[in-house]
Amino acid sequence: MQNLVRSGLATYRLTRLITRDTITAPLREKIWENHPPHSSKLGYVLTCEWCSSIYAASLLEISRIITPRWTARVETVLALSALAGLLTAYEDRD
């Protein structure tokens, strides 16, 4: 159960990193120049959290097969970041 929660939070955080975070915006915009979201599947995937999450989860699972210890560490960092973000959003609501 602990691994499922960690993997779920890591997938959530990686998905947000791909689709929403400011730090990855320049990369998304560069891709959108050649693959606009309204006319390209690749561009659309970078805007759709539901769509991106399956690829993020798959990437983490494949990584776990290849390098389980490294992936566990990365997932822990992503999961902790997700928890911090969710708690901050909870505290900031009015």
Protein backbone atom coordinates (compact mmCIF):
# COMPACT_ATOMS: atom_id res chain seq x y z
CA MET A 1 0.00 0.00 0.00
CA GLN A 2 2.85 2.38 0.84
CA ASN A 3 4.36 1.88 -2.63
CA LEU A 4 1.00 2.57 -4.27
CA VAL A 5 0.60 5.86 -2.40
CA ARG A 6 4.17 6.91 -3.16
CA SER A 7 3.79 5.97 -6.82
CA GLY A 8 0.45 7.74 -7.04
CA LEU A 9 1.78 10.95 -5.56
CA ALA A 10 4.90 10.75 -7.72
CA THR A 11 2.76 10.28 -10.84
CA TYR A 12 0.60 13.24 -9.82
CA ARG A 13 3.64 15.46 -9.33
CA LEU A 14 5.36 14.37 -12.55
CA THR A 15 2.11 14.96 -14.45
CA ARG A 16 1.84 18.50 -13.09
CA LEU A 17 5.48 19.09 -13.98
CA ILE A 18 4.73 18.06 -17.56
CA THR A 19 1.42 19.90 -18.00
CA ARG A 20 1.38 22.96 -15.73
CA ASP A 21 4.53 24.00 -13.93
CA THR A 22 6.16 27.28 -14.88
CA ILE A 23 9.63 25.75 -14.92
CA THR A 24 8.68 23.47 -17.83
CA ALA A 25 6.65 26.12 -19.71
CA PRO A 26 9.51 27.03 -22.10
CA LEU A 27 9.86 23.39 -23.17
CA ARG A 28 6.08 23.02 -23.64
CA GLU A 29 5.94 26.23 -25.67
CA LYS A 30 8.83 25.11 -27.87
CA ILE A 31 7.04 21.83 -28.59
CA TRP A 32 3.77 23.68 -29.24
CA GLU A 33 5.48 25.73 -31.96
CA ASN A 34 5.61 22.62 -34.17
CA HIS A 35 2.85 20.61 -32.50
CA PRO A 36 0.02 22.94 -31.41
CA PRO A 37 -2.37 21.45 -28.83
CA HIS A 38 -5.46 22.06 -30.96
CA SER A 39 -4.13 20.13 -33.98
CA SER A 40 -1.51 17.71 -32.66
CA LYS A 41 -1.77 14.72 -30.38
CA LEU A 42 1.66 15.42 -28.87
CA GLY A 43 0.73 19.05 -28.17
CA TYR A 44 -2.58 17.99 -26.69
CA VAL A 45 -0.98 15.42 -24.37
CA LEU A 46 1.11 18.23 -22.87
CA THR A 47 -2.08 20.06 -21.89
CA CYS A 48 -4.17 17.13 -20.69
CA GLU A 49 -3.37 15.91 -17.17
CA TRP A 50 -5.48 12.79 -17.61
CA CYS A 51 -3.63 11.93 -20.83
CA SER A 52 -0.16 12.74 -19.51
CA SER A 53 -0.65 10.79 -16.30
CA ILE A 54 -0.67 7.43 -18.10
CA TYR A 55 2.66 8.26 -19.73
CA ALA A 56 4.14 9.56 -16.47
CA ALA A 57 3.03 6.41 -14.63
CA SER A 58 4.39 4.21 -17.42
CA LEU A 59 7.72 6.02 -17.35
CA LEU A 60 8.00 5.47 -13.60
CA GLU A 61 7.05 1.80 -13.90
CA ILE A 62 9.53 1.12 -16.70
CA SER A 63 12.17 2.96 -14.71
CA ARG A 64 11.36 0.78 -11.69
CA ILE A 65 12.04 -2.34 -13.76
CA ILE A 66 15.39 -1.01 -14.99
CA THR A 67 16.65 0.77 -11.85
CA PRO A 68 14.39 0.04 -8.88
CA ARG A 69 16.48 1.74 -6.18
CA TRP A 70 17.04 4.92 -8.17
CA THR A 71 13.36 5.08 -9.13
CA ALA A 72 12.27 4.65 -5.50
CA ARG A 73 14.40 7.64 -4.55
CA VAL A 74 13.04 9.79 -7.38
CA GLU A 75 9.48 8.75 -6.54
CA THR A 76 10.05 9.68 -2.90
CA VAL A 77 11.23 13.16 -3.88
CA LEU A 78 8.31 13.63 -6.28
CA ALA A 79 5.83 12.33 -3.67
CA LEU A 80 7.16 14.66 -0.98
CA SER A 81 6.95 17.57 -3.41
CA ALA A 82 3.36 16.61 -4.22
CA LEU A 83 2.45 16.49 -0.53
CA ALA A 84 4.06 19.89 0.08
CA GLY A 85 2.13 21.38 -2.84
CA LEU A 86 -1.16 19.88 -1.78
CA LEU A 87 -0.72 21.01 1.84
CA THR A 88 0.21 24.52 0.71
CA ALA A 89 -2.88 24.69 -1.49
CA TYR A 90 -4.99 23.47 1.45
CA GLU A 91 -3.53 26.10 3.79
CA ASP A 92 -3.95 28.90 1.24
CA ARG A 93 -7.64 28.29 0.56
CA ASP A 94 -10.10 30.76 2.02
